[in-house]
């Protein structure tokens, strides 16, 4: 699944922060610290980041 452009609950824009979050977490930083520094404070927005799983490459293999 792709990162939603906005939070489903509150409507705050999120997609522009995804690449930064992903890169920093892959380097080994704590996800909580990264989200705090990016300014993602609401639990609904944090859940969108933590619960996101990138399936685009897997889904892209299938055709209609």
PDB file of N, CA and C in Angstrom:
ATOM      1  N   UNK A   1       0.844  -1.179   0.000  1.00  0.00           N
ATOM      2  CA  UNK A   1       0.000   0.000   0.000  1.00  0.00           C
ATOM      3  C   UNK A   1       0.883   1.234   0.000  1.00  0.00           C
ATOM      4  N   UNK A   2       0.413   2.260  -0.647  1.00  0.00           N
ATOM      5  CA  UNK A   2       1.157   3.513  -0.692  1.00  0.00           C
ATOM      6  C   UNK A   2       0.804   4.364   0.518  1.00  0.00           C
ATOM      7  N   UNK A   3       1.718   5.233   0.887  1.00  0.00           N
ATOM      8  CA  UNK A   3       1.480   6.134   2.009  1.00  0.00           C
ATOM      9  C   UNK A   3       0.340   7.078   1.649  1.00  0.00           C
ATOM     10  N   UNK A   4      -0.653   7.216   2.528  1.00  0.00           N
ATOM     11  CA  UNK A   4      -1.762   8.131   2.219  1.00  0.00           C
ATOM     12  C   UNK A   4      -1.279   9.576   2.181  1.00  0.00           C
ATOM     13  N   UNK A   5      -1.855  10.366   1.297  1.00  0.00           N
ATOM     14  CA  UNK A   5      -1.471  11.769   1.175  1.00  0.00           C
ATOM     15  C   UNK A   5      -1.831  12.520   2.450  1.00  0.00           C
ATOM     16  N   UNK A   6      -2.992  12.215   2.996  1.00  0.00           N
ATOM     17  CA  UNK A   6      -3.457  12.847   4.232  1.00  0.00           C
ATOM     18  C   UNK A   6      -3.858  11.778   5.229  1.00  0.00           C
ATOM     19  N   UNK A   7      -3.839  12.159   6.499  1.00  0.00           N
ATOM     20  CA  UNK A   7      -4.293  11.264   7.558  1.00  0.00           C
ATOM     21  C   UNK A   7      -5.778  10.991   7.360  1.00  0.00           C
ATOM     22  N   UNK A   8      -6.183   9.745   7.515  1.00  0.00           N
ATOM     23  CA  UNK A   8      -7.576   9.372   7.320  1.00  0.00           C
ATOM     24  C   UNK A   8      -8.483   9.990   8.374  1.00  0.00           C
ATOM     25  N   UNK A   9      -7.963  10.229   9.570  1.00  0.00           N
ATOM     26  CA  UNK A   9      -8.792  10.732  10.662  1.00  0.00           C
ATOM     27  C   UNK A   9      -8.853  12.251  10.733  1.00  0.00           C
ATOM     28  N   UNK A  10      -7.674  12.898  10.771  1.00  0.00           N
ATOM     29  CA  UNK A  10      -7.656  14.343  10.999  1.00  0.00           C
ATOM     30  C   UNK A  10      -7.399  15.171   9.745  1.00  0.00           C
ATOM     31  N   UNK A  11      -6.902  14.559   8.684  1.00  0.00           N
ATOM     32  CA  UNK A  11      -6.689  15.276   7.434  1.00  0.00           C
ATOM     33  C   UNK A  11      -5.350  15.988   7.308  1.00  0.00           C
ATOM     34  N   UNK A  12      -4.436  15.790   8.253  1.00  0.00           N
ATOM     35  CA  UNK A  12      -3.121  16.437   8.185  1.00  0.00           C
ATOM     36  C   UNK A  12      -2.307  15.829   7.039  1.00  0.00           C
ATOM     37  N   UNK A  13      -1.617  16.645   6.236  1.00  0.00           N
ATOM     38  CA  UNK A  13      -0.776  16.114   5.152  1.00  0.00           C
ATOM     39  C   UNK A  13       0.372  15.275   5.716  1.00  0.00           C
ATOM     40  N   UNK A  14       0.576  14.087   5.153  1.00  0.00           N
ATOM     41  CA  UNK A  14       1.594  13.169   5.660  1.00  0.00           C
ATOM     42  C   UNK A  14       2.597  12.704   4.617  1.00  0.00           C
ATOM     43  N   UNK A  15       2.176  12.577   3.387  1.00  0.00           N
ATOM     44  CA  UNK A  15       2.986  11.910   2.369  1.00  0.00           C
ATOM     45  C   UNK A  15       4.349  12.566   2.161  1.00  0.00           C
ATOM     46  N   UNK A  16       4.449  13.873   2.353  1.00  0.00           N
ATOM     47  CA  UNK A  16       5.723  14.554   2.122  1.00  0.00           C
ATOM     48  C   UNK A  16       6.774  14.191   3.176  1.00  0.00           C
ATOM     49  N   UNK A  17       6.361  13.573   4.270  1.00  0.00           N
ATOM     50  CA  UNK A  17       7.288  13.181   5.336  1.00  0.00           C
ATOM     51  C   UNK A  17       7.729  11.725   5.232  1.00  0.00           C
ATOM     52  N   UNK A  18       7.093  10.940   4.373  1.00  0.00           N
ATOM     53  CA  UNK A  18       7.343   9.509   4.321  1.00  0.00           C
ATOM     54  C   UNK A  18       8.778   9.159   3.964  1.00  0.00           C
ATOM     55  N   UNK A  19       9.351   9.787   2.954  1.00  0.00           N
ATOM     56  CA  UNK A  19      10.704   9.452   2.519  1.00  0.00           C
ATOM     57  C   UNK A  19      11.722   9.729   3.621  1.00  0.00           C
ATOM     58  N   UNK A  20      11.569  10.864   4.309  1.00  0.00           N
ATOM     59  CA  UNK A  20      12.480  11.190   5.411  1.00  0.00           C
ATOM     60  C   UNK A  20      12.361  10.158   6.523  1.00  0.00           C
ATOM     61  N   UNK A  21      11.133   9.833   6.886  1.00  0.00           N
ATOM     62  CA  UNK A  21      10.882   8.854   7.948  1.00  0.00           C
ATOM     63  C   UNK A  21      11.499   7.500   7.580  1.00  0.00           C
ATOM     64  N   UNK A  22      11.226   7.049   6.390  1.00  0.00           N
ATOM     65  CA  UNK A  22      11.697   5.738   5.939  1.00  0.00           C
ATOM     66  C   UNK A  22      13.224   5.666   5.940  1.00  0.00           C
ATOM     67  N   UNK A  23      13.871   6.699   5.420  1.00  0.00           N
ATOM     68  CA  UNK A  23      15.334   6.711   5.347  1.00  0.00           C
ATOM     69  C   UNK A  23      15.960   6.697   6.740  1.00  0.00           C
ATOM     70  N   UNK A  24      15.415   7.486   7.639  1.00  0.00           N
ATOM     71  CA  UNK A  24      15.990   7.572   8.980  1.00  0.00           C
ATOM     72  C   UNK A  24      15.772   6.297   9.784  1.00  0.00           C
ATOM     73  N   UNK A  25      14.620   5.668   9.636  1.00  0.00           N
ATOM     74  CA  UNK A  25      14.342   4.424  10.353  1.00  0.00           C
ATOM     75  C   UNK A  25      15.216   3.290   9.809  1.00  0.00           C
ATOM     76  N   UNK A  26      15.447   3.271   8.500  1.00  0.00           N
ATOM     77  CA  UNK A  26      16.307   2.250   7.912  1.00  0.00           C
ATOM     78  C   UNK A  26      17.753   2.391   8.371  1.00  0.00           C
ATOM     79  N   UNK A  27      18.156   3.599   8.723  1.00  0.00           N
ATOM     80  CA  UNK A  27      19.510   3.820   9.246  1.00  0.00           C
ATOM     81  C   UNK A  27      19.645   3.356  10.688  1.00  0.00           C
ATOM     82  N   UNK A  28      18.517   3.066  11.336  1.00  0.00           N
ATOM     83  CA  UNK A  28      18.575   2.540  12.690  1.00  0.00           C
ATOM     84  C   UNK A  28      18.053   3.474  13.767  1.00  0.00           C
ATOM     85  N   UNK A  29      17.503   4.613  13.385  1.00  0.00           N
ATOM     86  CA  UNK A  29      16.964   5.539  14.383  1.00  0.00           C
ATOM     87  C   UNK A  29      15.649   5.016  14.945  1.00  0.00           C
ATOM     88  N   UNK A  30      15.322   5.449  16.146  1.00  0.00           N
ATOM     89  CA  UNK A  30      14.089   5.061  16.808  1.00  0.00           C
ATOM     90  C   UNK A  30      12.903   5.734  16.112  1.00  0.00           C
ATOM     91  N   UNK A  31      11.892   4.965  15.687  1.00  0.00           N
ATOM     92  CA  UNK A  31      10.734   5.557  15.004  1.00  0.00           C
ATOM     93  C   UNK A  31      10.033   6.638  15.822  1.00  0.00           C
ATOM     94  N   UNK A  32       9.956   6.463  17.133  1.00  0.00           N
ATOM     95  CA  UNK A  32       9.312   7.462  17.986  1.00  0.00           C
ATOM     96  C   UNK A  32      10.050   8.792  17.919  1.00  0.00           C
ATOM     97  N   UNK A  33      11.353   8.735  17.998  1.00  0.00           N
ATOM     98  CA  UNK A  33      12.166   9.953  17.944  1.00  0.00           C
ATOM     99  C   UNK A  33      12.037  10.646  16.585  1.00  0.00           C
ATOM    100  N   UNK A  34      12.038   9.860  15.524  1.00  0.00           N
ATOM    101  CA  UNK A  34      11.923  10.414  14.171  1.00  0.00           C
ATOM    102  C   UNK A  34      10.584  11.122  13.993  1.00  0.00           C
ATOM    103  N   UNK A  35       9.499  10.477  14.425  1.00  0.00           N
ATOM    104  CA  UNK A  35       8.176  11.085  14.290  1.00  0.00           C
ATOM    105  C   UNK A  35       8.066  12.357  15.121  1.00  0.00           C
ATOM    106  N   UNK A  36       8.653  12.369  16.310  1.00  0.00           N
ATOM    107  CA  UNK A  36       8.652  13.578  17.133  1.00  0.00           C
ATOM    108  C   UNK A  36       9.380  14.721  16.436  1.00  0.00           C
ATOM    109  N   UNK A  37      10.528  14.423  15.852  1.00  0.00           N
ATOM    110  CA  UNK A  37      11.317  15.454  15.181  1.00  0.00           C
ATOM    111  C   UNK A  37      10.659  15.940  13.886  1.00  0.00           C
ATOM    112  N   UNK A  38       9.892  15.084  13.241  1.00  0.00           N
ATOM    113  CA  UNK A  38       9.185  15.491  12.021  1.00  0.00           C
ATOM    114  C   UNK A  38       7.905  16.263  12.328  1.00  0.00           C
ATOM    115  N   UNK A  39       7.514  16.302  13.595  1.00  0.00           N
ATOM    116  CA  UNK A  39       6.327  17.057  13.987  1.00  0.00           C
ATOM    117  C   UNK A  39       5.034  16.277  13.895  1.00  0.00           C
ATOM    118  N   UNK A  40       5.122  14.961  13.866  1.00  0.00           N
ATOM    119  CA  UNK A  40       3.928  14.116  13.812  1.00  0.00           C
ATOM    120  C   UNK A  40       3.556  13.789  15.257  1.00  0.00           C
ATOM    121  N   UNK A  41       2.567  14.508  15.794  1.00  0.00           N
ATOM    122  CA  UNK A  41       2.221  14.389  17.215  1.00  0.00           C
ATOM    123  C   UNK A  41       0.960  13.570  17.463  1.00  0.00           C
ATOM    124  N   UNK A  42      -0.017  13.637  16.568  1.00  0.00           N
ATOM    125  CA  UNK A  42      -1.297  12.975  16.790  1.00  0.00           C
ATOM    126  C   UNK A  42      -1.168  11.462  16.626  1.00  0.00           C
ATOM    127  N   UNK A  43      -1.870  10.723  17.455  1.00  0.00           N
ATOM    128  CA  UNK A  43      -1.778   9.260  17.409  1.00  0.00           C
ATOM    129  C   UNK A  43      -2.314   8.702  16.100  1.00  0.00           C
ATOM    130  N   UNK A  44      -3.304   9.367  15.512  1.00  0.00           N
ATOM    131  CA  UNK A  44      -3.855   8.865  14.253  1.00  0.00           C
ATOM    132  C   UNK A  44      -2.819   8.983  13.128  1.00  0.00           C
ATOM    133  N   UNK A  45      -2.071  10.067  13.111  1.00  0.00           N
ATOM    134  CA  UNK A  45      -1.036  10.262  12.096  1.00  0.00           C
ATOM    135  C   UNK A  45       0.137   9.306  12.322  1.00  0.00           C
ATOM    136  N   UNK A  46       0.501   9.109  13.576  1.00  0.00           N
ATOM    137  CA  UNK A  46       1.597   8.197  13.902  1.00  0.00           C
ATOM    138  C   UNK A  46       1.253   6.768  13.483  1.00  0.00           C
ATOM    139  N   UNK A  47      -0.005   6.398  13.659  1.00  0.00           N
ATOM    140  CA  UNK A  47      -0.440   5.059  13.274  1.00  0.00           C
ATOM    141  C   UNK A  47      -0.330   4.862  11.765  1.00  0.00           C
ATOM    142  N   UNK A  48      -0.566   5.919  11.002  1.00  0.00           N
ATOM    143  CA  UNK A  48      -0.441   5.821   9.546  1.00  0.00           C
ATOM    144  C   UNK A  48       1.004   5.523   9.141  1.00  0.00           C
ATOM    145  N   UNK A  49       1.969   6.093   9.861  1.00  0.00           N
ATOM    146  CA  UNK A  49       3.380   5.843   9.570  1.00  0.00           C
ATOM    147  C   UNK A  49       3.803   4.456  10.025  1.00  0.00           C
ATOM    148  N   UNK A  50       3.501   4.125  11.258  1.00  0.00           N
ATOM    149  CA  UNK A  50       3.957   2.864  11.831  1.00  0.00           C
ATOM    150  C   UNK A  50       3.256   1.676  11.185  1.00  0.00           C
ATOM    151  N   UNK A  51       2.012   1.845  10.799  1.00  0.00           N
ATOM    152  CA  UNK A  51       1.249   0.750  10.218  1.00  0.00           C
ATOM    153  C   UNK A  51       1.372   0.602   8.725  1.00  0.00           C
ATOM    154  N   UNK A  52       2.110   1.487   8.077  1.00  0.00           N
ATOM    155  CA  UNK A  52       2.216   1.438   6.627  1.00  0.00           C
ATOM    156  C   UNK A  52       3.188   0.341   6.189  1.00  0.00           C
ATOM    157  N   UNK A  53       2.766  -0.460   5.228  1.00  0.00           N
ATOM    158  CA  UNK A  53       3.602  -1.504   4.654  1.00  0.00           C
ATOM    159  C   UNK A  53       3.639  -1.267   3.157  1.00  0.00           C
ATOM    160  N   UNK A  54       4.843  -1.168   2.604  1.00  0.00           N
ATOM    161  CA  UNK A  54       4.965  -0.912   1.175  1.00  0.00           C
ATOM    162  C   UNK A  54       4.758  -2.197   0.385  1.00  0.00           C
ATOM    163  N   UNK A  55       3.680  -2.251  -0.350  1.00  0.00           N
ATOM    164  CA  UNK A  55       3.353  -3.419  -1.151  1.00  0.00           C
ATOM    165  C   UNK A  55       3.323  -3.099  -2.638  1.00  0.00           C
ATOM    166  N   UNK A  56       3.749  -1.906  -3.019  1.00  0.00           N
ATOM    167  CA  UNK A  56       3.637  -1.461  -4.404  1.00  0.00           C
ATOM    168  C   UNK A  56       4.402  -2.389  -5.340  1.00  0.00           C
ATOM    169  N   UNK A  57       5.620  -2.782  -4.972  1.00  0.00           N
ATOM    170  CA  UNK A  57       6.407  -3.654  -5.848  1.00  0.00           C
ATOM    171  C   UNK A  57       5.780  -5.038  -5.962  1.00  0.00           C
ATOM    172  N   UNK A  58       5.219  -5.537  -4.877  1.00  0.00           N
ATOM    173  CA  UNK A  58       4.595  -6.851  -4.911  1.00  0.00           C
ATOM    174  C   UNK A  58       3.307  -6.831  -5.725  1.00  0.00           C
ATOM    175  N   UNK A  59       2.498  -5.809  -5.560  1.00  0.00           N
ATOM    176  CA  UNK A  59       1.225  -5.709  -6.271  1.00  0.00           C
ATOM    177  C   UNK A  59       1.459  -5.398  -7.746  1.00  0.00           C
ATOM    178  N   UNK A  60       2.514  -4.679  -8.053  1.00  0.00           N
ATOM    179  CA  UNK A  60       2.806  -4.301  -9.421  1.00  0.00           C
ATOM    180  C   UNK A  60       3.114  -5.474 -10.341  1.00  0.00           C
ATOM    181  N   UNK A  61       3.429  -6.609  -9.781  1.00  0.00           N
ATOM    182  CA  UNK A  61       3.739  -7.804 -10.585  1.00  0.00           C
ATOM    183  C   UNK A  61       2.488  -8.383 -11.255  1.00  0.00           C
ATOM    184  N   UNK A  62       1.336  -8.136 -10.668  1.00  0.00           N
ATOM    185  CA  UNK A  62       0.091  -8.719 -11.168  1.00  0.00           C
ATOM    186  C   UNK A  62      -0.563  -7.801 -12.196  1.00  0.00           C
ATOM    187  N   UNK A  63      -1.160  -8.414 -13.172  1.00  0.00           N
ATOM    188  CA  UNK A  63      -1.882  -7.666 -14.192  1.00  0.00           C
ATOM    189  C   UNK A  63      -3.317  -8.127 -14.205  1.00  0.00           C
ATOM    190  N   UNK A  64      -4.168  -7.328 -14.836  1.00  0.00           N
ATOM    191  CA  UNK A  64      -5.582  -7.693 -14.938  1.00  0.00           C
ATOM    192  C   UNK A  64      -5.780  -8.846 -15.864  1.00  0.00           C
TER     193      UNK A  64
END
